[in-house]
């Protein structure tokens, strides 16, 4: 844990969980990819309010771009803040092989002052080239881990990852539970562990199988991957509530928060979607386009991520009502206001 941990016992258990999940995923990816991840620590207010550790990988022959971030922020010393603490793992892998799917896994416990809180559980499979068998296997693993919650989680996930402007989803398999709290913290903690471990293990197996056959991707497969990565970029920066919240609350971990972005996108394809967006989100996309290099195919490096983060903050400061256009499951959780 980077920085001073939260004093809450529930937050301590949540932190232990997300750190164990981080180790499970990182060790599995290292075994498959043959390269060690490096931990990049960041501190919230010089560690006074916590921080995090992000294991990252870029330009790997197999893994392409990967980010596995664990964080805990808290306000134990700030009685005027509603938020007690937030403990989370947020991870994304974008393999180099177009036949290998990307994955997004996020699990977090958000706790108010006084102990009330909720879980956010997300796992979604994001292939550039869809594979029905992979989709069914990934969903089957999640259903086995949460049989009673599975139908609701899929329903919320289908709603959350839908992109209205494009009339399609990001990803093909979605599990999402928002504002989840059955009144038994220990039971919910175990549910989160089971679902997250199932998602990690299922994905590692799919990734392993995709890499067994070495081949040279065709131009069509590379083009499909670039187009899908562009769509992923679009959804994250124009609809994803968690990403927006993280950027709006502080600017001390912009690189980590935008670790989910793929390595490269097609700027011309991205620009072609602007006319489909509602006001004022069309202006958000204009700001994002301005933050990108003046190229057709743009590399999303750390310098570009900083510009994109500033573009998002500038937009929602100008149009705070546009936060209502962000994606949600069955409920909209307290986000930015939660942290005040």
C-alpha atoms as a PDB file:
ATOM      1  CA  UNK A   1       0.000   0.000   0.000  1.00  0.00           C
ATOM      2  CA  UNK A   2       1.382   3.386  -1.039  1.00  0.00           C
ATOM      3  CA  UNK A   3       0.691   6.119   1.508  1.00  0.00           C
ATOM      4  CA  UNK A   4      -1.203   5.949   4.788  1.00  0.00           C
ATOM      5  CA  UNK A   5      -3.992   3.333   4.714  1.00  0.00           C
ATOM      6  CA  UNK A   6      -7.577   4.023   5.748  1.00  0.00           C
ATOM      7  CA  UNK A   7      -8.426   3.395   9.398  1.00  0.00           C
ATOM      8  CA  UNK A   8     -11.660   1.489   8.688  1.00  0.00           C
ATOM      9  CA  UNK A   9     -11.620  -2.260   9.246  1.00  0.00           C
ATOM     10  CA  UNK A  10     -13.844  -2.825   6.219  1.00  0.00           C
ATOM     11  CA  UNK A  11     -11.526  -0.730   4.080  1.00  0.00           C
ATOM     12  CA  UNK A  12      -8.559  -2.790   5.313  1.00  0.00           C
ATOM     13  CA  UNK A  13     -10.293  -6.015   4.225  1.00  0.00           C
ATOM     14  CA  UNK A  14     -11.200  -4.511   0.862  1.00  0.00           C
ATOM     15  CA  UNK A  15      -7.608  -3.383   0.344  1.00  0.00           C
ATOM     16  CA  UNK A  16      -6.306  -6.853   1.176  1.00  0.00           C
ATOM     17  CA  UNK A  17      -8.710  -8.300  -1.374  1.00  0.00           C
ATOM     18  CA  UNK A  18      -7.791  -5.991  -4.253  1.00  0.00           C
ATOM     19  CA  UNK A  19      -4.074  -6.411  -3.542  1.00  0.00           C
ATOM     20  CA  UNK A  20      -4.456 -10.197  -3.674  1.00  0.00           C
ATOM     21  CA  UNK A  21      -6.349  -9.903  -6.961  1.00  0.00           C
ATOM     22  CA  UNK A  22      -3.617  -7.675  -8.332  1.00  0.00           C
ATOM     23  CA  UNK A  23      -0.978 -10.281  -7.461  1.00  0.00           C
ATOM     24  CA  UNK A  24      -3.052 -13.058  -9.017  1.00  0.00           C
ATOM     25  CA  UNK A  25      -3.485 -11.231 -12.326  1.00  0.00           C
ATOM     26  CA  UNK A  26       0.044  -9.820 -12.547  1.00  0.00           C
ATOM     27  CA  UNK A  27       1.678 -13.153 -11.771  1.00  0.00           C
ATOM     28  CA  UNK A  28      -0.509 -14.878 -14.357  1.00  0.00           C
ATOM     29  CA  UNK A  29       0.328 -12.294 -17.022  1.00  0.00           C
ATOM     30  CA  UNK A  30       4.036 -12.454 -16.208  1.00  0.00           C
ATOM     31  CA  UNK A  31       3.994 -16.236 -16.567  1.00  0.00           C
ATOM     32  CA  UNK A  32       2.348 -15.984 -19.988  1.00  0.00           C
ATOM     33  CA  UNK A  33       4.290 -12.989 -21.259  1.00  0.00           C
ATOM     34  CA  UNK A  34       7.713 -13.818 -19.924  1.00  0.00           C
ATOM     35  CA  UNK A  35       8.396 -10.287 -18.667  1.00  0.00           C
ATOM     36  CA  UNK A  36       8.264  -8.801 -15.183  1.00  0.00           C
ATOM     37  CA  UNK A  37       5.885  -5.951 -14.477  1.00  0.00           C
ATOM     38  CA  UNK A  38       7.166  -2.909 -12.635  1.00  0.00           C
ATOM     39  CA  UNK A  39       5.210  -1.223  -9.861  1.00  0.00           C
ATOM     40  CA  UNK A  40       4.751   2.517 -10.255  1.00  0.00           C
ATOM     41  CA  UNK A  41       3.574   4.067  -6.999  1.00  0.00           C
ATOM     42  CA  UNK A  42       1.561   7.252  -6.726  1.00  0.00           C
ATOM     43  CA  UNK A  43       0.524   9.185  -3.626  1.00  0.00           C
ATOM     44  CA  UNK A  44      -2.626  11.131  -2.847  1.00  0.00           C
ATOM     45  CA  UNK A  45      -1.624  14.395  -1.186  1.00  0.00           C
ATOM     46  CA  UNK A  46       1.912  13.053  -0.561  1.00  0.00           C
ATOM     47  CA  UNK A  47       0.457   9.897   0.987  1.00  0.00           C
ATOM     48  CA  UNK A  48      -1.650  11.604   3.640  1.00  0.00           C
ATOM     49  CA  UNK A  49      -4.824  10.398   1.920  1.00  0.00           C
ATOM     50  CA  UNK A  50      -3.480   7.124   0.556  1.00  0.00           C
ATOM     51  CA  UNK A  51      -2.288   6.275  -2.921  1.00  0.00           C
ATOM     52  CA  UNK A  52      -1.734   3.266  -5.088  1.00  0.00           C
ATOM     53  CA  UNK A  53       0.501   0.946  -7.061  1.00  0.00           C
ATOM     54  CA  UNK A  54       0.101   0.379 -10.796  1.00  0.00           C
ATOM     55  CA  UNK A  55       1.774  -2.556 -12.491  1.00  0.00           C
ATOM     56  CA  UNK A  56       2.124  -1.683 -16.135  1.00  0.00           C
ATOM     57  CA  UNK A  57       3.434  -3.113 -19.384  1.00  0.00           C
ATOM     58  CA  UNK A  58       3.770  -1.415 -22.757  1.00  0.00           C
ATOM     59  CA  UNK A  59       4.960  -2.604 -26.155  1.00  0.00           C
ATOM     60  CA  UNK A  60       5.169  -6.222 -25.057  1.00  0.00           C
ATOM     61  CA  UNK A  61       5.339  -8.709 -27.927  1.00  0.00           C
ATOM     62  CA  UNK A  62       2.475 -10.650 -26.369  1.00  0.00           C
ATOM     63  CA  UNK A  63       0.634  -8.439 -23.913  1.00  0.00           C
ATOM     64  CA  UNK A  64       0.793  -5.231 -25.896  1.00  0.00           C
ATOM     65  CA  UNK A  65      -0.401  -2.793 -23.246  1.00  0.00           C
ATOM     66  CA  UNK A  66      -1.485  -3.839 -19.771  1.00  0.00           C
ATOM     67  CA  UNK A  67      -2.293  -1.924 -16.587  1.00  0.00           C
ATOM     68  CA  UNK A  68      -3.204  -3.421 -13.211  1.00  0.00           C
ATOM     69  CA  UNK A  69      -3.815  -0.620 -10.739  1.00  0.00           C
ATOM     70  CA  UNK A  70      -4.698  -0.896  -7.056  1.00  0.00           C
ATOM     71  CA  UNK A  71      -5.512   2.170  -5.023  1.00  0.00           C
ATOM     72  CA  UNK A  72      -6.970   3.265  -1.727  1.00  0.00           C
ATOM     73  CA  UNK A  73      -7.861   6.863  -1.013  1.00  0.00           C
ATOM     74  CA  UNK A  74      -9.460   8.088   2.196  1.00  0.00           C
ATOM     75  CA  UNK A  75     -10.325  11.195   4.169  1.00  0.00           C
ATOM     76  CA  UNK A  76      -9.958  10.069   7.761  1.00  0.00           C
ATOM     77  CA  UNK A  77      -8.712  13.536   8.724  1.00  0.00           C
ATOM     78  CA  UNK A  78     -11.443  15.488   6.908  1.00  0.00           C
ATOM     79  CA  UNK A  79     -14.772  15.429   8.797  1.00  0.00           C
ATOM     80  CA  UNK A  80     -16.443  17.635   6.166  1.00  0.00           C
ATOM     81  CA  UNK A  81     -15.983  14.965   3.476  1.00  0.00           C
ATOM     82  CA  UNK A  82     -18.783  12.467   2.887  1.00  0.00           C
ATOM     83  CA  UNK A  83     -16.400   9.861   1.526  1.00  0.00           C
ATOM     84  CA  UNK A  84     -14.606   7.711   4.071  1.00  0.00           C
ATOM     85  CA  UNK A  85     -12.518   5.617   1.690  1.00  0.00           C
ATOM     86  CA  UNK A  86     -12.426   3.954  -1.716  1.00  0.00           C
ATOM     87  CA  UNK A  87     -10.400   0.792  -2.314  1.00  0.00           C
ATOM     88  CA  UNK A  88     -10.163  -0.564  -5.848  1.00  0.00           C
ATOM     89  CA  UNK A  89      -8.472  -2.684  -8.449  1.00  0.00           C
ATOM     90  CA  UNK A  90      -8.887  -1.500 -12.013  1.00  0.00           C
ATOM     91  CA  UNK A  91      -7.154  -3.490 -14.727  1.00  0.00           C
ATOM     92  CA  UNK A  92      -7.102  -3.670 -18.499  1.00  0.00           C
ATOM     93  CA  UNK A  93      -5.097  -5.799 -20.899  1.00  0.00           C
ATOM     94  CA  UNK A  94      -4.888  -5.040 -24.620  1.00  0.00           C
ATOM     95  CA  UNK A  95      -2.915  -7.945 -26.161  1.00  0.00           C
ATOM     96  CA  UNK A  96      -0.786  -7.397 -29.238  1.00  0.00           C
ATOM     97  CA  UNK A  97      -2.409 -10.348 -31.016  1.00  0.00           C
ATOM     98  CA  UNK A  98      -5.725  -9.262 -32.629  1.00  0.00           C
ATOM     99  CA  UNK A  99      -7.093 -12.763 -32.026  1.00  0.00           C
ATOM    100  CA  UNK A 100      -6.546 -12.427 -28.267  1.00  0.00           C
ATOM    101  CA  UNK A 101      -9.331 -10.473 -26.497  1.00  0.00           C
ATOM    102  CA  UNK A 102      -8.825  -7.467 -24.285  1.00  0.00           C
ATOM    103  CA  UNK A 103     -10.280  -7.598 -20.791  1.00  0.00           C
ATOM    104  CA  UNK A 104     -11.407  -5.052 -18.226  1.00  0.00           C
ATOM    105  CA  UNK A 105     -11.750  -6.018 -14.558  1.00  0.00           C
ATOM    106  CA  UNK A 106     -12.725  -3.537 -11.839  1.00  0.00           C
ATOM    107  CA  UNK A 107     -13.721  -4.267  -8.236  1.00  0.00           C
ATOM    108  CA  UNK A 108     -14.063  -1.598  -5.584  1.00  0.00           C
ATOM    109  CA  UNK A 109     -15.461  -0.906  -2.129  1.00  0.00           C
ATOM    110  CA  UNK A 110     -16.586   2.677  -1.499  1.00  0.00           C
ATOM    111  CA  UNK A 111     -17.322   3.548   2.120  1.00  0.00           C
ATOM    112  CA  UNK A 112     -19.019   6.586   3.576  1.00  0.00           C
ATOM    113  CA  UNK A 113     -18.152   8.114   6.917  1.00  0.00           C
ATOM    114  CA  UNK A 114     -19.907   5.923   9.471  1.00  0.00           C
ATOM    115  CA  UNK A 115     -19.365   2.621   7.658  1.00  0.00           C
ATOM    116  CA  UNK A 116     -22.129   2.450   5.034  1.00  0.00           C
ATOM    117  CA  UNK A 117     -20.829   1.566   1.607  1.00  0.00           C
ATOM    118  CA  UNK A 118     -21.219  -0.375  -1.616  1.00  0.00           C
ATOM    119  CA  UNK A 119     -19.345  -2.660  -3.995  1.00  0.00           C
ATOM    120  CA  UNK A 120     -18.798  -2.087  -7.676  1.00  0.00           C
ATOM    121  CA  UNK A 121     -18.040  -5.331  -9.537  1.00  0.00           C
ATOM    122  CA  UNK A 122     -17.179  -5.280 -13.235  1.00  0.00           C
ATOM    123  CA  UNK A 123     -15.709  -7.817 -15.634  1.00  0.00           C
ATOM    124  CA  UNK A 124     -16.065  -7.543 -19.394  1.00  0.00           C
ATOM    125  CA  UNK A 125     -14.465  -9.256 -22.368  1.00  0.00           C
ATOM    126  CA  UNK A 126     -13.461  -7.003 -25.255  1.00  0.00           C
ATOM    127  CA  UNK A 127     -12.302  -8.792 -28.410  1.00  0.00           C
ATOM    128  CA  UNK A 128     -11.238  -7.011 -31.563  1.00  0.00           C
ATOM    129  CA  UNK A 129     -12.370 -10.103 -33.465  1.00  0.00           C
ATOM    130  CA  UNK A 130     -15.383 -11.697 -31.695  1.00  0.00           C
ATOM    131  CA  UNK A 131     -15.254 -15.384 -30.804  1.00  0.00           C
ATOM    132  CA  UNK A 132     -18.534 -16.914 -29.610  1.00  0.00           C
ATOM    133  CA  UNK A 133     -16.859 -19.776 -27.760  1.00  0.00           C
ATOM    134  CA  UNK A 134     -14.628 -17.405 -25.782  1.00  0.00           C
ATOM    135  CA  UNK A 135     -17.632 -15.269 -24.900  1.00  0.00           C
ATOM    136  CA  UNK A 136     -19.625 -18.244 -23.605  1.00  0.00           C
ATOM    137  CA  UNK A 137     -16.722 -19.588 -21.569  1.00  0.00           C
ATOM    138  CA  UNK A 138     -16.058 -16.229 -19.946  1.00  0.00           C
ATOM    139  CA  UNK A 139     -19.723 -15.764 -19.048  1.00  0.00           C
ATOM    140  CA  UNK A 140     -20.001 -19.341 -17.770  1.00  0.00           C
ATOM    141  CA  UNK A 141     -17.154 -18.724 -15.329  1.00  0.00           C
ATOM    142  CA  UNK A 142     -18.866 -15.611 -13.981  1.00  0.00           C
ATOM    143  CA  UNK A 143     -22.223 -17.359 -13.703  1.00  0.00           C
ATOM    144  CA  UNK A 144     -20.663 -20.194 -11.712  1.00  0.00           C
ATOM    145  CA  UNK A 145     -19.133 -17.644  -9.310  1.00  0.00           C
ATOM    146  CA  UNK A 146     -22.360 -15.634  -8.859  1.00  0.00           C
ATOM    147  CA  UNK A 147     -25.374 -17.724  -9.908  1.00  0.00           C
ATOM    148  CA  UNK A 148     -27.887 -15.655  -7.949  1.00  0.00           C
ATOM    149  CA  UNK A 149     -26.604 -12.299  -9.202  1.00  0.00           C
ATOM    150  CA  UNK A 150     -25.649 -13.264 -12.747  1.00  0.00           C
ATOM    151  CA  UNK A 151     -28.822 -12.229 -14.585  1.00  0.00           C
ATOM    152  CA  UNK A 152     -28.910  -8.820 -12.922  1.00  0.00           C
ATOM    153  CA  UNK A 153     -25.184  -8.306 -13.521  1.00  0.00           C
ATOM    154  CA  UNK A 154     -25.516  -9.069 -17.232  1.00  0.00           C
ATOM    155  CA  UNK A 155     -28.512  -6.747 -17.522  1.00  0.00           C
ATOM    156  CA  UNK A 156     -26.637  -3.903 -15.851  1.00  0.00           C
ATOM    157  CA  UNK A 157     -23.544  -4.593 -17.920  1.00  0.00           C
ATOM    158  CA  UNK A 158     -25.461  -4.540 -21.190  1.00  0.00           C
ATOM    159  CA  UNK A 159     -26.885  -1.171 -20.203  1.00  0.00           C
ATOM    160  CA  UNK A 160     -23.617   0.308 -18.942  1.00  0.00           C
ATOM    161  CA  UNK A 161     -21.457  -0.653 -21.918  1.00  0.00           C
ATOM    162  CA  UNK A 162     -23.944   0.375 -24.586  1.00  0.00           C
ATOM    163  CA  UNK A 163     -22.786   3.285 -26.767  1.00  0.00           C
ATOM    164  CA  UNK A 164     -25.894   5.204 -27.902  1.00  0.00           C
ATOM    165  CA  UNK A 165     -24.094   7.298 -30.511  1.00  0.00           C
ATOM    166  CA  UNK A 166     -22.855   4.161 -32.280  1.00  0.00           C
ATOM    167  CA  UNK A 167     -25.776   1.859 -31.564  1.00  0.00           C
ATOM    168  CA  UNK A 168     -23.535  -0.920 -30.239  1.00  0.00           C
ATOM    169  CA  UNK A 169     -21.779  -2.187 -27.133  1.00  0.00           C
ATOM    170  CA  UNK A 170     -18.181  -2.027 -26.042  1.00  0.00           C
ATOM    171  CA  UNK A 171     -17.303  -5.664 -25.545  1.00  0.00           C
ATOM    172  CA  UNK A 172     -19.272  -8.878 -25.913  1.00  0.00           C
ATOM    173  CA  UNK A 173     -19.552 -10.228 -22.352  1.00  0.00           C
ATOM    174  CA  UNK A 174     -20.554  -7.907 -19.528  1.00  0.00           C
ATOM    175  CA  UNK A 175     -20.866  -8.461 -15.771  1.00  0.00           C
ATOM    176  CA  UNK A 176     -21.629  -5.380 -13.696  1.00  0.00           C
ATOM    177  CA  UNK A 177     -23.055  -4.923 -10.219  1.00  0.00           C
ATOM    178  CA  UNK A 178     -23.376  -1.319  -9.038  1.00  0.00           C
ATOM    179  CA  UNK A 179     -24.248  -0.061  -5.561  1.00  0.00           C
ATOM    180  CA  UNK A 180     -24.097  -3.671  -4.358  1.00  0.00           C
ATOM    181  CA  UNK A 181     -24.645  -4.257  -0.652  1.00  0.00           C
ATOM    182  CA  UNK A 182     -26.765  -7.069   0.808  1.00  0.00           C
ATOM    183  CA  UNK A 183     -26.144  -5.932   4.379  1.00  0.00           C
ATOM    184  CA  UNK A 184     -23.498  -8.603   5.070  1.00  0.00           C
ATOM    185  CA  UNK A 185     -20.032  -7.224   4.370  1.00  0.00           C
ATOM    186  CA  UNK A 186     -18.249 -10.562   4.810  1.00  0.00           C
ATOM    187  CA  UNK A 187     -20.573 -12.348   2.397  1.00  0.00           C
ATOM    188  CA  UNK A 188     -20.283  -9.576  -0.183  1.00  0.00           C
ATOM    189  CA  UNK A 189     -16.501  -9.585   0.208  1.00  0.00           C
ATOM    190  CA  UNK A 190     -16.428 -13.297  -0.576  1.00  0.00           C
ATOM    191  CA  UNK A 191     -18.726 -12.800  -3.558  1.00  0.00           C
ATOM    192  CA  UNK A 192     -16.408 -10.106  -4.913  1.00  0.00           C
ATOM    193  CA  UNK A 193     -13.420 -12.393  -4.428  1.00  0.00           C
ATOM    194  CA  UNK A 194     -15.108 -15.305  -6.175  1.00  0.00           C
ATOM    195  CA  UNK A 195     -16.270 -13.310  -9.184  1.00  0.00           C
ATOM    196  CA  UNK A 196     -12.966 -11.482  -9.604  1.00  0.00           C
ATOM    197  CA  UNK A 197     -10.882 -14.646  -9.345  1.00  0.00           C
ATOM    198  CA  UNK A 198     -13.185 -16.395 -11.822  1.00  0.00           C
ATOM    199  CA  UNK A 199     -12.817 -13.508 -14.295  1.00  0.00           C
ATOM    200  CA  UNK A 200      -9.028 -13.437 -13.911  1.00  0.00           C
ATOM    201  CA  UNK A 201      -8.581 -17.188 -14.275  1.00  0.00           C
ATOM    202  CA  UNK A 202     -10.975 -17.467 -17.228  1.00  0.00           C
ATOM    203  CA  UNK A 203      -9.252 -14.628 -19.043  1.00  0.00           C
ATOM    204  CA  UNK A 204      -5.749 -15.983 -18.457  1.00  0.00           C
ATOM    205  CA  UNK A 205      -6.848 -19.304 -19.928  1.00  0.00           C
ATOM    206  CA  UNK A 206      -8.318 -17.622 -23.015  1.00  0.00           C
ATOM    207  CA  UNK A 207      -5.163 -15.559 -23.443  1.00  0.00           C
ATOM    208  CA  UNK A 208      -2.972 -18.634 -23.080  1.00  0.00           C
ATOM    209  CA  UNK A 209      -4.931 -20.506 -25.736  1.00  0.00           C
ATOM    210  CA  UNK A 210      -4.865 -17.560 -28.147  1.00  0.00           C
ATOM    211  CA  UNK A 211      -1.079 -17.436 -27.905  1.00  0.00           C
ATOM    212  CA  UNK A 212      -0.462 -21.133 -28.486  1.00  0.00           C
ATOM    213  CA  UNK A 213      -0.568 -20.689 -32.240  1.00  0.00           C
ATOM    214  CA  UNK A 214       1.948 -18.155 -33.422  1.00  0.00           C
ATOM    215  CA  UNK A 215       0.955 -16.447 -36.634  1.00  0.00           C
ATOM    216  CA  UNK A 216       1.424 -13.204 -38.520  1.00  0.00           C
ATOM    217  CA  UNK A 217      -1.785 -11.149 -38.298  1.00  0.00           C
ATOM    218  CA  UNK A 218      -3.277 -10.087 -41.599  1.00  0.00           C
ATOM    219  CA  UNK A 219      -3.809  -6.458 -42.549  1.00  0.00           C
ATOM    220  CA  UNK A 220      -7.541  -6.989 -42.068  1.00  0.00           C
ATOM    221  CA  UNK A 221      -7.031  -8.273 -38.532  1.00  0.00           C
ATOM    222  CA  UNK A 222      -4.767  -5.352 -37.658  1.00  0.00           C
ATOM    223  CA  UNK A 223      -7.339  -2.951 -39.077  1.00  0.00           C
ATOM    224  CA  UNK A 224     -10.100  -4.593 -37.011  1.00  0.00           C
ATOM    225  CA  UNK A 225      -7.969  -4.241 -33.896  1.00  0.00           C
ATOM    226  CA  UNK A 226      -7.248  -0.549 -34.542  1.00  0.00           C
ATOM    227  CA  UNK A 227     -10.945   0.165 -35.162  1.00  0.00           C
ATOM    228  CA  UNK A 228     -11.947  -1.640 -31.983  1.00  0.00           C
ATOM    229  CA  UNK A 229      -9.307   0.148 -29.921  1.00  0.00           C
ATOM    230  CA  UNK A 230     -10.685   3.422 -31.267  1.00  0.00           C
ATOM    231  CA  UNK A 231     -14.163   2.438 -30.111  1.00  0.00           C
ATOM    232  CA  UNK A 232     -12.759   1.470 -26.697  1.00  0.00           C
ATOM    233  CA  UNK A 233     -11.070   4.870 -26.394  1.00  0.00           C
ATOM    234  CA  UNK A 234     -14.329   6.588 -27.373  1.00  0.00           C
ATOM    235  CA  UNK A 235     -16.413   4.738 -24.767  1.00  0.00           C
ATOM    236  CA  UNK A 236     -13.925   5.247 -21.929  1.00  0.00           C
ATOM    237  CA  UNK A 237     -13.514   8.989 -22.434  1.00  0.00           C
ATOM    238  CA  UNK A 238     -17.085   9.942 -23.315  1.00  0.00           C
ATOM    239  CA  UNK A 239     -19.214   7.536 -21.259  1.00  0.00           C
ATOM    240  CA  UNK A 240     -17.299   5.743 -18.505  1.00  0.00           C
ATOM    241  CA  UNK A 241     -18.443   7.117 -15.171  1.00  0.00           C
ATOM    242  CA  UNK A 242     -15.568   5.667 -13.174  1.00  0.00           C
ATOM    243  CA  UNK A 243     -12.912   7.186 -15.413  1.00  0.00           C
ATOM    244  CA  UNK A 244     -14.578  10.588 -15.413  1.00  0.00           C
ATOM    245  CA  UNK A 245     -15.000  10.577 -11.641  1.00  0.00           C
ATOM    246  CA  UNK A 246     -11.356   9.722 -11.079  1.00  0.00           C
ATOM    247  CA  UNK A 247     -10.206  12.535 -13.345  1.00  0.00           C
ATOM    248  CA  UNK A 248     -12.585  15.093 -11.835  1.00  0.00           C
ATOM    249  CA  UNK A 249     -11.726  14.378  -8.201  1.00  0.00           C
ATOM    250  CA  UNK A 250      -7.982  14.971  -8.540  1.00  0.00           C
ATOM    251  CA  UNK A 251      -5.122  15.161 -11.051  1.00  0.00           C
ATOM    252  CA  UNK A 252      -2.545  13.160  -9.077  1.00  0.00           C
ATOM    253  CA  UNK A 253      -2.936   9.893 -11.001  1.00  0.00           C
ATOM    254  CA  UNK A 254      -3.958  10.840 -14.539  1.00  0.00           C
ATOM    255  CA  UNK A 255      -1.569   8.328 -16.105  1.00  0.00           C
ATOM    256  CA  UNK A 256      -2.863   5.513 -13.922  1.00  0.00           C
ATOM    257  CA  UNK A 257      -6.538   6.373 -14.438  1.00  0.00           C
ATOM    258  CA  UNK A 258      -6.032   6.424 -18.206  1.00  0.00           C
ATOM    259  CA  UNK A 259      -3.993   3.229 -18.121  1.00  0.00           C
ATOM    260  CA  UNK A 260      -7.008   1.542 -19.702  1.00  0.00           C
ATOM    261  CA  UNK A 261      -6.479   3.321 -23.026  1.00  0.00           C
ATOM    262  CA  UNK A 262      -5.070   1.272 -25.913  1.00  0.00           C
ATOM    263  CA  UNK A 263      -1.685   2.009 -27.429  1.00  0.00           C
ATOM    264  CA  UNK A 264      -2.968   3.494 -30.691  1.00  0.00           C
ATOM    265  CA  UNK A 265      -6.229   4.671 -32.273  1.00  0.00           C
ATOM    266  CA  UNK A 266      -7.516   5.910 -35.626  1.00  0.00           C
ATOM    267  CA  UNK A 267      -8.098   9.640 -35.248  1.00  0.00           C
ATOM    268  CA  UNK A 268     -10.025   9.908 -38.503  1.00  0.00           C
ATOM    269  CA  UNK A 269     -12.449   7.179 -37.446  1.00  0.00           C
ATOM    270  CA  UNK A 270     -12.883   8.856 -34.056  1.00  0.00           C
ATOM    271  CA  UNK A 271     -13.630  12.209 -35.704  1.00  0.00           C
ATOM    272  CA  UNK A 272     -16.260  10.596 -37.932  1.00  0.00           C
ATOM    273  CA  UNK A 273     -18.421   9.891 -34.866  1.00  0.00           C
ATOM    274  CA  UNK A 274     -18.647  13.497 -33.687  1.00  0.00           C
ATOM    275  CA  UNK A 275     -21.803  14.306 -35.657  1.00  0.00           C
ATOM    276  CA  UNK A 276     -23.624  11.427 -33.958  1.00  0.00           C
ATOM    277  CA  UNK A 277     -23.090  12.769 -30.438  1.00  0.00           C
ATOM    278  CA  UNK A 278     -25.607  14.810 -28.455  1.00  0.00           C
ATOM    279  CA  UNK A 279     -24.801  18.290 -27.217  1.00  0.00           C
ATOM    280  CA  UNK A 280     -22.598  19.110 -25.391  1.00  0.00           C
ATOM    281  CA  UNK A 281     -20.758  15.783 -25.722  1.00  0.00           C
ATOM    282  CA  UNK A 282     -19.888  16.649 -29.307  1.00  0.00           C
ATOM    283  CA  UNK A 283     -17.788  19.428 -27.788  1.00  0.00           C
ATOM    284  CA  UNK A 284     -16.091  16.906 -25.500  1.00  0.00           C
ATOM    285  CA  UNK A 285     -15.029  14.866 -28.508  1.00  0.00           C
ATOM    286  CA  UNK A 286     -13.758  18.038 -30.156  1.00  0.00           C
ATOM    287  CA  UNK A 287     -11.563  18.677 -27.093  1.00  0.00           C
ATOM    288  CA  UNK A 288     -10.294  15.093 -27.160  1.00  0.00           C
ATOM    289  CA  UNK A 289      -9.447  15.343 -30.850  1.00  0.00           C
ATOM    290  CA  UNK A 290      -7.516  18.544 -30.183  1.00  0.00           C
ATOM    291  CA  UNK A 291      -5.508  16.762 -27.494  1.00  0.00           C
ATOM    292  CA  UNK A 292      -4.396  14.061 -29.945  1.00  0.00           C
ATOM    293  CA  UNK A 293      -1.413  14.331 -32.317  1.00  0.00           C
ATOM    294  CA  UNK A 294      -2.239  15.581 -35.799  1.00  0.00           C
ATOM    295  CA  UNK A 295      -1.963  12.125 -37.334  1.00  0.00           C
ATOM    296  CA  UNK A 296      -4.287   9.505 -38.748  1.00  0.00           C
ATOM    297  CA  UNK A 297      -3.031   6.781 -36.421  1.00  0.00           C
ATOM    298  CA  UNK A 298      -2.220   8.265 -33.020  1.00  0.00           C
ATOM    299  CA  UNK A 299      -0.035   6.741 -30.321  1.00  0.00           C
ATOM    300  CA  UNK A 300      -1.525   7.231 -26.849  1.00  0.00           C
ATOM    301  CA  UNK A 301       1.560   7.863 -24.704  1.00  0.00           C
ATOM    302  CA  UNK A 302       1.795   9.456 -21.270  1.00  0.00           C
ATOM    303  CA  UNK A 303       2.058  12.998 -22.635  1.00  0.00           C
ATOM    304  CA  UNK A 304      -1.123  12.486 -24.643  1.00  0.00           C
ATOM    305  CA  UNK A 305      -2.884  10.980 -21.609  1.00  0.00           C
ATOM    306  CA  UNK A 306      -2.169  14.140 -19.608  1.00  0.00           C
ATOM    307  CA  UNK A 307      -3.686  16.276 -22.359  1.00  0.00           C
ATOM    308  CA  UNK A 308      -6.725  14.020 -22.570  1.00  0.00           C
ATOM    309  CA  UNK A 309      -7.240  14.193 -18.808  1.00  0.00           C
ATOM    310  CA  UNK A 310      -7.162  17.978 -18.903  1.00  0.00           C
ATOM    311  CA  UNK A 311      -9.610  17.987 -21.803  1.00  0.00           C
ATOM    312  CA  UNK A 312     -12.092  15.861 -19.830  1.00  0.00           C
ATOM    313  CA  UNK A 313     -11.795  18.074 -16.736  1.00  0.00           C
ATOM    314  CA  UNK A 314     -12.206  21.264 -18.766  1.00  0.00           C
ATOM    315  CA  UNK A 315     -15.341  19.922 -20.437  1.00  0.00           C
ATOM    316  CA  UNK A 316     -17.193  18.886 -17.282  1.00  0.00           C
ATOM    317  CA  UNK A 317     -16.233  22.057 -15.447  1.00  0.00           C
ATOM    318  CA  UNK A 318     -17.809  23.958 -18.321  1.00  0.00           C
ATOM    319  CA  UNK A 319     -20.793  21.594 -18.634  1.00  0.00           C
ATOM    320  CA  UNK A 320     -21.322  19.894 -15.236  1.00  0.00           C
ATOM    321  CA  UNK A 321     -24.831  18.859 -16.283  1.00  0.00           C
ATOM    322  CA  UNK A 322     -23.250  16.615 -18.926  1.00  0.00           C
ATOM    323  CA  UNK A 323     -22.250  14.214 -16.147  1.00  0.00           C
ATOM    324  CA  UNK A 324     -25.852  12.991 -16.338  1.00  0.00           C
ATOM    325  CA  UNK A 325     -25.049  11.637 -19.821  1.00  0.00           C
ATOM    326  CA  UNK A 326     -22.495   9.208 -18.432  1.00  0.00           C
ATOM    327  CA  UNK A 327     -23.172   5.483 -18.533  1.00  0.00           C
ATOM    328  CA  UNK A 328     -24.935   3.743 -15.637  1.00  0.00           C
ATOM    329  CA  UNK A 329     -26.273   0.323 -14.736  1.00  0.00           C
ATOM    330  CA  UNK A 330     -29.612   0.028 -12.979  1.00  0.00           C
ATOM    331  CA  UNK A 331     -28.673   2.827 -10.595  1.00  0.00           C
ATOM    332  CA  UNK A 332     -26.442   5.850 -10.662  1.00  0.00           C
ATOM    333  CA  UNK A 333     -24.055   5.851  -7.698  1.00  0.00           C
ATOM    334  CA  UNK A 334     -22.881   8.973  -5.913  1.00  0.00           C
ATOM    335  CA  UNK A 335     -19.646   9.836  -7.690  1.00  0.00           C
ATOM    336  CA  UNK A 336     -18.056  13.265  -7.828  1.00  0.00           C
ATOM    337  CA  UNK A 337     -20.339  14.750  -5.168  1.00  0.00           C
ATOM    338  CA  UNK A 338     -19.548  11.751  -2.995  1.00  0.00           C
ATOM    339  CA  UNK A 339     -15.965  12.947  -2.638  1.00  0.00           C
ATOM    340  CA  UNK A 340     -16.707  16.507  -1.528  1.00  0.00           C
END
